[in-house]
Each structure stands twice: as C-alpha cells, then as structure tokens.
Amino acid sequence: MRCITLTVDAIIPLEGKIVLIKRRNEPFKDHYALPGGIVEYGERVEDALVREVKEETGLDVEIHRLVGVYSDPNRDPRGHFVSVCFIAVPKGGRLRADSDAKEIALFGLDEIPKLAFDHNRMIEDAKPYLVDLLRR
C-alpha cells in the first residue's frame, strides 16, 4: 500500500519581504523554497510548522492564518506529498540558515524567483493576506 506524506510550508513576512531558504538536499537542491517540512507521526500540523521554521530559519513564529492545502499528486517528485501552507509571523529568534537550508534570503513579492515544488502558487494564493503584513 502506498501512503501520502503530510507536510507544512510557511510564508513568513519579514522586513517587508518574504523569507525563503535555498534547499540543501534533493529534490530541488539549490532552488529556493518556502521553509517547511514533513509532519511527524502524532504531531499537529501547527506544531510541525513552528518546529520546521525554527529548524530551518532560526525564527520563532506564530501562525497568522491558513493559506490552503496543496494536494496535487505530482507536486513532489518523491511521491504524493500533501502540504498545509500557513502565513506565520516572526515572534523572536535570529534569522539564520540551518538544518536542510543551505542559505536563507529575503525577497520582495515582485522579486520571487521560480521556487521548488508549487511554492510560487502558495505565495500567489497568499498575496491578498500579505499586503498589510508586509507593510509592518
């Protein structure tokens, strides 16, 4: 029996830009992506998001809102990965690349490169909710 893998992704507005990581590992090695990762068995998606963001960016975040659930079976070359995407706002920590992140960068909404997976779509879907957050 084949299984679905549950993941989370975070859109983090910071200093008027969006936090992106450069992936250290395949798939999409050396491509920019949203911070995120796999939900562990017994873990709530909200807790997984906070954990993954801390591991990859050094930031402590609080979930602001749900952006959506992304379930296209072809969104990840490793298999059927379903992602829950949230906007999360920084509440502390220090921005630094860690764990699966090779480097970290801030991009304005008009500067976002082609991202790994379907992360460009996630950011597009989140734009109506980001305008005010990016002005803070």
N, C-alpha and C. Protein backbone atom coordinates (compact mmCIF):
# COMPACT_ATOMS: atom_id res chain seq x y z
N MET A 1 0.84 -1.18 0.00
CA MET A 1 0.00 0.00 0.00
C MET A 1 0.89 1.25 0.00
N ARG A 2 0.55 2.20 -0.84
CA ARG A 2 1.29 3.44 -0.91
C ARG A 2 0.62 4.47 0.00
N CYS A 3 1.42 5.33 0.58
CA CYS A 3 0.89 6.31 1.53
C CYS A 3 1.13 7.73 1.04
N ILE A 4 0.36 8.63 1.62
CA ILE A 4 0.53 10.06 1.39
C ILE A 4 1.39 10.61 2.52
N THR A 5 2.29 11.51 2.19
CA THR A 5 3.11 12.18 3.19
C THR A 5 2.55 13.57 3.44
N LEU A 6 2.37 13.91 4.70
CA LEU A 6 1.85 15.23 5.08
C LEU A 6 3.00 16.17 5.39
N THR A 7 2.95 17.37 4.80
CA THR A 7 3.99 18.36 5.01
C THR A 7 3.36 19.71 5.35
N VAL A 8 4.21 20.65 5.77
CA VAL A 8 3.78 22.02 6.04
C VAL A 8 4.75 22.98 5.36
N ASP A 9 4.24 24.14 4.99
CA ASP A 9 5.06 25.21 4.42
C ASP A 9 4.65 26.53 5.04
N ALA A 10 5.64 27.42 5.23
CA ALA A 10 5.40 28.70 5.88
C ALA A 10 5.76 29.86 4.97
N ILE A 11 4.84 30.80 4.85
CA ILE A 11 5.12 32.07 4.20
C ILE A 11 5.33 33.06 5.35
N ILE A 12 6.56 33.56 5.46
CA ILE A 12 6.93 34.40 6.60
C ILE A 12 7.29 35.81 6.10
N PRO A 13 6.43 36.78 6.39
CA PRO A 13 6.78 38.16 6.05
C PRO A 13 7.76 38.72 7.08
N LEU A 14 8.84 39.33 6.59
CA LEU A 14 9.87 39.88 7.48
C LEU A 14 10.50 41.08 6.78
N GLU A 15 10.51 42.21 7.45
CA GLU A 15 11.14 43.43 6.92
C GLU A 15 10.60 43.79 5.54
N GLY A 16 9.30 43.59 5.33
CA GLY A 16 8.68 43.94 4.06
C GLY A 16 8.93 42.94 2.94
N LYS A 17 9.52 41.80 3.27
CA LYS A 17 9.84 40.78 2.27
C LYS A 17 9.38 39.42 2.77
N ILE A 18 9.64 38.38 1.96
CA ILE A 18 9.29 37.01 2.30
C ILE A 18 10.57 36.22 2.54
N VAL A 19 10.59 35.40 3.59
CA VAL A 19 11.74 34.55 3.92
C VAL A 19 11.71 33.31 3.02
N LEU A 20 12.81 33.07 2.31
CA LEU A 20 12.98 31.87 1.50
C LEU A 20 14.28 31.18 1.90
N ILE A 21 14.29 29.87 1.77
CA ILE A 21 15.51 29.10 2.01
C ILE A 21 16.00 28.54 0.69
N LYS A 22 17.31 28.34 0.58
CA LYS A 22 17.86 27.60 -0.55
C LYS A 22 18.06 26.17 -0.07
N ARG A 23 17.46 25.22 -0.79
CA ARG A 23 17.46 23.82 -0.35
C ARG A 23 18.85 23.20 -0.44
N ARG A 24 19.21 22.49 0.62
CA ARG A 24 20.50 21.80 0.71
C ARG A 24 20.43 20.43 0.04
N ASN A 25 19.23 19.82 0.01
CA ASN A 25 19.07 18.45 -0.45
C ASN A 25 18.09 18.34 -1.62
N GLU A 26 18.16 17.21 -2.32
CA GLU A 26 17.19 16.88 -3.35
C GLU A 26 15.87 16.53 -2.68
N PRO A 27 14.75 16.68 -3.34
CA PRO A 27 14.63 17.24 -4.68
C PRO A 27 14.77 18.77 -4.65
N PHE A 28 15.04 19.32 -5.81
CA PHE A 28 15.18 20.76 -5.98
C PHE A 28 16.36 21.33 -5.20
N LYS A 29 17.43 20.55 -5.08
CA LYS A 29 18.65 21.04 -4.43
C LYS A 29 19.08 22.34 -5.08
N ASP A 30 19.48 23.32 -4.27
CA ASP A 30 19.95 24.64 -4.70
C ASP A 30 18.85 25.54 -5.25
N HIS A 31 17.60 25.15 -5.13
CA HIS A 31 16.48 26.02 -5.51
C HIS A 31 15.92 26.67 -4.24
N TYR A 32 15.39 27.85 -4.41
CA TYR A 32 14.73 28.49 -3.28
C TYR A 32 13.36 27.85 -3.06
N ALA A 33 12.94 27.87 -1.78
CA ALA A 33 11.66 27.29 -1.39
C ALA A 33 11.18 27.99 -0.12
N LEU A 34 9.94 27.76 0.21
CA LEU A 34 9.42 28.21 1.50
C LEU A 34 9.97 27.29 2.59
N PRO A 35 10.18 27.82 3.79
CA PRO A 35 10.56 26.94 4.89
C PRO A 35 9.42 25.96 5.19
N GLY A 36 9.78 24.75 5.53
CA GLY A 36 8.76 23.76 5.86
C GLY A 36 9.34 22.37 5.88
N GLY A 37 8.46 21.39 6.02
CA GLY A 37 8.94 20.02 6.04
C GLY A 37 7.85 19.03 6.40
N ILE A 38 8.27 17.84 6.73
CA ILE A 38 7.35 16.73 6.96
C ILE A 38 6.81 16.75 8.39
N VAL A 39 5.52 16.51 8.50
CA VAL A 39 4.85 16.40 9.80
C VAL A 39 5.19 15.02 10.38
N GLU A 40 5.63 15.00 11.62
CA GLU A 40 5.97 13.74 12.28
C GLU A 40 4.71 13.06 12.78
N TYR A 41 4.76 11.74 12.88
CA TYR A 41 3.62 10.98 13.37
C TYR A 41 3.24 11.47 14.77
N GLY A 42 1.96 11.74 14.99
CA GLY A 42 1.46 12.21 16.28
C GLY A 42 1.60 13.71 16.48
N GLU A 43 2.09 14.43 15.49
CA GLU A 43 2.31 15.87 15.61
C GLU A 43 1.20 16.64 14.91
N ARG A 44 0.75 17.72 15.51
CA ARG A 44 -0.22 18.59 14.86
C ARG A 44 0.49 19.40 13.77
N VAL A 45 -0.21 19.72 12.68
CA VAL A 45 0.42 20.48 11.60
C VAL A 45 0.91 21.84 12.10
N GLU A 46 0.16 22.45 13.01
CA GLU A 46 0.57 23.76 13.55
C GLU A 46 1.91 23.64 14.29
N ASP A 47 2.06 22.59 15.07
CA ASP A 47 3.32 22.38 15.81
C ASP A 47 4.47 22.04 14.86
N ALA A 48 4.17 21.27 13.83
CA ALA A 48 5.19 20.92 12.82
C ALA A 48 5.69 22.18 12.12
N LEU A 49 4.78 23.09 11.81
CA LEU A 49 5.18 24.33 11.13
C LEU A 49 6.14 25.13 12.02
N VAL A 50 5.78 25.32 13.27
CA VAL A 50 6.63 26.09 14.19
C VAL A 50 7.99 25.41 14.33
N ARG A 51 8.01 24.09 14.47
CA ARG A 51 9.27 23.33 14.59
C ARG A 51 10.13 23.45 13.35
N GLU A 52 9.53 23.21 12.18
CA GLU A 52 10.29 23.25 10.92
C GLU A 52 10.86 24.65 10.65
N VAL A 53 10.07 25.68 10.91
CA VAL A 53 10.56 27.05 10.70
C VAL A 53 11.76 27.32 11.61
N LYS A 54 11.66 26.92 12.87
CA LYS A 54 12.77 27.12 13.80
C LYS A 54 14.01 26.36 13.34
N GLU A 55 13.82 25.11 12.91
CA GLU A 55 14.95 24.30 12.46
C GLU A 55 15.62 24.88 11.21
N GLU A 56 14.84 25.42 10.30
CA GLU A 56 15.41 25.87 9.02
C GLU A 56 15.83 27.33 9.02
N THR A 57 15.19 28.17 9.82
CA THR A 57 15.45 29.62 9.73
C THR A 57 15.94 30.25 11.03
N GLY A 58 15.81 29.55 12.15
CA GLY A 58 16.16 30.13 13.44
C GLY A 58 15.08 31.02 14.03
N LEU A 59 13.99 31.22 13.30
CA LEU A 59 12.92 32.11 13.77
C LEU A 59 11.88 31.37 14.60
N ASP A 60 11.40 32.04 15.62
CA ASP A 60 10.23 31.59 16.36
C ASP A 60 9.04 32.28 15.71
N VAL A 61 8.02 31.51 15.33
CA VAL A 61 6.89 32.11 14.64
C VAL A 61 5.57 31.74 15.32
N GLU A 62 4.58 32.55 14.98
CA GLU A 62 3.21 32.31 15.40
C GLU A 62 2.37 32.26 14.13
N ILE A 63 1.48 31.29 14.05
CA ILE A 63 0.64 31.16 12.86
C ILE A 63 -0.35 32.31 12.79
N HIS A 64 -0.40 32.94 11.63
CA HIS A 64 -1.31 34.06 11.40
C HIS A 64 -2.61 33.59 10.75
N ARG A 65 -2.46 32.74 9.71
CA ARG A 65 -3.65 32.22 9.03
C ARG A 65 -3.27 31.08 8.10
N LEU A 66 -4.26 30.27 7.80
CA LEU A 66 -4.12 29.19 6.83
C LEU A 66 -4.21 29.79 5.43
N VAL A 67 -3.30 29.39 4.55
CA VAL A 67 -3.37 29.79 3.14
C VAL A 67 -4.16 28.76 2.36
N GLY A 68 -3.81 27.48 2.54
CA GLY A 68 -4.52 26.43 1.82
C GLY A 68 -3.85 25.08 1.97
N VAL A 69 -4.49 24.09 1.37
CA VAL A 69 -3.99 22.72 1.34
C VAL A 69 -3.68 22.39 -0.11
N TYR A 70 -2.48 21.89 -0.36
CA TYR A 70 -1.98 21.65 -1.71
C TYR A 70 -1.75 20.16 -1.87
N SER A 71 -2.56 19.53 -2.73
CA SER A 71 -2.59 18.07 -2.76
C SER A 71 -2.38 17.46 -4.15
N ASP A 72 -1.91 18.24 -5.11
CA ASP A 72 -1.65 17.68 -6.44
C ASP A 72 -0.67 16.51 -6.29
N PRO A 73 -1.04 15.32 -6.74
CA PRO A 73 -0.16 14.16 -6.59
C PRO A 73 1.20 14.33 -7.27
N ASN A 74 1.32 15.29 -8.18
CA ASN A 74 2.57 15.50 -8.91
C ASN A 74 3.37 16.68 -8.38
N ARG A 75 3.01 17.23 -7.22
CA ARG A 75 3.69 18.43 -6.73
C ARG A 75 5.10 18.15 -6.20
N ASP A 76 5.39 16.87 -5.92
CA ASP A 76 6.70 16.49 -5.38
C ASP A 76 7.17 15.24 -6.11
N PRO A 77 8.39 15.25 -6.65
CA PRO A 77 8.86 14.08 -7.40
C PRO A 77 9.10 12.83 -6.54
N ARG A 78 9.10 12.97 -5.22
CA ARG A 78 9.33 11.81 -4.34
C ARG A 78 8.08 10.97 -4.15
N GLY A 79 6.91 11.51 -4.52
CA GLY A 79 5.66 10.78 -4.31
C GLY A 79 4.54 11.75 -4.02
N HIS A 80 3.46 11.23 -3.43
CA HIS A 80 2.29 12.05 -3.15
C HIS A 80 2.45 12.75 -1.79
N PHE A 81 2.83 14.01 -1.84
CA PHE A 81 3.01 14.83 -0.65
C PHE A 81 1.91 15.87 -0.62
N VAL A 82 1.19 15.96 0.47
CA VAL A 82 0.14 16.96 0.66
C VAL A 82 0.67 17.99 1.65
N SER A 83 0.60 19.27 1.26
CA SER A 83 1.13 20.31 2.13
C SER A 83 0.03 21.24 2.63
N VAL A 84 0.14 21.59 3.90
CA VAL A 84 -0.71 22.60 4.51
C VAL A 84 0.16 23.85 4.63
N CYS A 85 -0.27 24.93 3.98
CA CYS A 85 0.51 26.16 3.95
C CYS A 85 -0.13 27.22 4.85
N PHE A 86 0.72 27.85 5.66
CA PHE A 86 0.29 28.90 6.57
C PHE A 86 1.11 30.17 6.34
N ILE A 87 0.53 31.31 6.66
CA ILE A 87 1.31 32.53 6.86
C ILE A 87 1.66 32.52 8.34
N ALA A 88 2.95 32.76 8.64
CA ALA A 88 3.41 32.77 10.02
C ALA A 88 4.22 34.04 10.26
N VAL A 89 3.99 34.69 11.38
CA VAL A 89 4.71 35.93 11.69
C VAL A 89 5.78 35.67 12.73
N PRO A 90 6.96 36.29 12.53
CA PRO A 90 8.07 36.11 13.47
C PRO A 90 7.74 36.71 14.84
N LYS A 91 8.14 35.98 15.88
CA LYS A 91 7.93 36.43 17.26
C LYS A 91 9.24 36.39 18.05
N GLY A 92 10.35 36.13 17.38
CA GLY A 92 11.64 36.05 18.06
C GLY A 92 12.60 35.18 17.29
N GLY A 93 13.70 34.86 17.92
CA GLY A 93 14.73 34.07 17.26
C GLY A 93 15.66 34.95 16.45
N ARG A 94 16.59 34.31 15.77
CA ARG A 94 17.56 35.03 14.94
C ARG A 94 17.61 34.36 13.58
N LEU A 95 17.41 35.13 12.53
CA LEU A 95 17.37 34.60 11.16
C LEU A 95 18.74 34.03 10.78
N ARG A 96 18.76 32.72 10.48
CA ARG A 96 19.99 32.05 10.05
C ARG A 96 19.62 30.74 9.35
N ALA A 97 20.40 30.36 8.38
CA ALA A 97 20.16 29.09 7.68
C ALA A 97 20.61 27.94 8.58
N ASP A 98 19.79 26.89 8.62
CA ASP A 98 20.12 25.75 9.47
C ASP A 98 19.49 24.49 8.87
N SER A 99 19.77 23.35 9.40
CA SER A 99 19.26 22.03 9.01
C SER A 99 19.26 21.85 7.49
N ASP A 100 18.09 21.74 6.87
CA ASP A 100 18.01 21.48 5.42
C ASP A 100 18.24 22.73 4.56
N ALA A 101 18.41 23.86 5.19
CA ALA A 101 18.58 25.12 4.43
C ALA A 101 20.07 25.39 4.18
N LYS A 102 20.41 25.53 2.93
CA LYS A 102 21.79 25.84 2.55
C LYS A 102 22.08 27.31 2.81
N GLU A 103 21.12 28.16 2.51
CA GLU A 103 21.21 29.58 2.80
C GLU A 103 19.79 30.13 2.93
N ILE A 104 19.71 31.36 3.37
CA ILE A 104 18.42 32.00 3.59
C ILE A 104 18.45 33.39 2.99
N ALA A 105 17.34 33.85 2.45
CA ALA A 105 17.29 35.17 1.82
C ALA A 105 15.90 35.75 1.96
N LEU A 106 15.83 37.07 1.84
CA LEU A 106 14.56 37.78 1.85
C LEU A 106 14.29 38.30 0.44
N PHE A 107 13.07 38.11 -0.04
CA PHE A 107 12.68 38.55 -1.37
C PHE A 107 11.39 39.35 -1.29
N GLY A 108 11.34 40.47 -2.03
CA GLY A 108 10.09 41.21 -2.17
C GLY A 108 9.13 40.41 -3.03
N LEU A 109 7.84 40.70 -2.90
CA LEU A 109 6.84 39.96 -3.69
C LEU A 109 7.09 40.06 -5.18
N ASP A 110 7.68 41.17 -5.64
CA ASP A 110 7.95 41.34 -7.07
C ASP A 110 9.31 40.77 -7.47
N GLU A 111 10.02 40.14 -6.55
CA GLU A 111 11.36 39.58 -6.82
C GLU A 111 11.42 38.07 -6.65
N ILE A 112 10.31 37.42 -6.37
CA ILE A 112 10.32 35.99 -6.07
C ILE A 112 10.78 35.20 -7.29
N PRO A 113 11.85 34.39 -7.12
CA PRO A 113 12.31 33.56 -8.25
C PRO A 113 11.39 32.35 -8.45
N LYS A 114 11.68 31.53 -9.44
CA LYS A 114 10.95 30.27 -9.61
C LYS A 114 11.36 29.38 -8.45
N LEU A 115 10.36 28.95 -7.69
CA LEU A 115 10.60 28.19 -6.47
C LEU A 115 10.40 26.70 -6.67
N ALA A 116 10.90 25.93 -5.72
CA ALA A 116 10.70 24.48 -5.71
C ALA A 116 9.22 24.16 -5.50
N PHE A 117 8.86 22.95 -5.88
CA PHE A 117 7.51 22.42 -5.68
C PHE A 117 6.48 23.40 -6.28
N ASP A 118 5.38 23.66 -5.57
CA ASP A 118 4.36 24.60 -6.03
C ASP A 118 4.33 25.83 -5.13
N HIS A 119 5.50 26.20 -4.62
CA HIS A 119 5.58 27.30 -3.67
C HIS A 119 5.24 28.65 -4.28
N ASN A 120 5.49 28.85 -5.58
CA ASN A 120 5.06 30.10 -6.21
C ASN A 120 3.54 30.24 -6.14
N ARG A 121 2.85 29.15 -6.36
CA ARG A 121 1.38 29.18 -6.29
C ARG A 121 0.92 29.52 -4.87
N MET A 122 1.58 28.96 -3.87
CA MET A 122 1.22 29.25 -2.48
C MET A 122 1.34 30.75 -2.20
N ILE A 123 2.45 31.35 -2.65
CA ILE A 123 2.65 32.78 -2.43
C ILE A 123 1.59 33.58 -3.18
N GLU A 124 1.28 33.19 -4.41
CA GLU A 124 0.21 33.87 -5.16
C GLU A 124 -1.10 33.80 -4.40
N ASP A 125 -1.43 32.63 -3.88
CA ASP A 125 -2.68 32.47 -3.14
C ASP A 125 -2.69 33.31 -1.86
N ALA A 126 -1.53 33.55 -1.28
CA ALA A 126 -1.43 34.29 -0.02
C ALA A 126 -1.37 35.80 -0.21
N LYS A 127 -1.12 36.29 -1.42
CA LYS A 127 -0.91 37.72 -1.64
C LYS A 127 -1.99 38.61 -1.04
N PRO A 128 -3.28 38.28 -1.17
CA PRO A 128 -4.29 39.17 -0.59
C PRO A 128 -4.14 39.34 0.93
N TYR A 129 -3.55 38.36 1.59
CA TYR A 129 -3.41 38.41 3.04
C TYR A 129 -2.06 38.99 3.47
N LEU A 130 -1.13 39.15 2.52
CA LEU A 130 0.22 39.59 2.84
C LEU A 130 0.40 41.10 2.79
N VAL A 131 -0.43 41.78 2.05
CA VAL A 131 -0.23 43.22 1.81
C VAL A 131 -0.02 43.99 3.12
N ASP A 132 -0.95 43.85 4.06
CA ASP A 132 -0.82 44.57 5.32
C ASP A 132 0.37 44.09 6.14
N LEU A 133 0.61 42.79 6.15
CA LEU A 133 1.71 42.23 6.94
C LEU A 133 3.06 42.72 6.44
N LEU A 134 3.21 42.89 5.13
CA LEU A 134 4.48 43.33 4.57
C LEU A 134 4.76 44.80 4.83
N ARG A 135 3.74 45.55 5.16
CA ARG A 135 3.92 46.99 5.46
C ARG A 135 4.35 47.23 6.90
N ARG A 136 4.25 46.22 7.74
CA ARG A 136 4.57 46.38 9.17
C ARG A 136 6.06 46.50 9.40
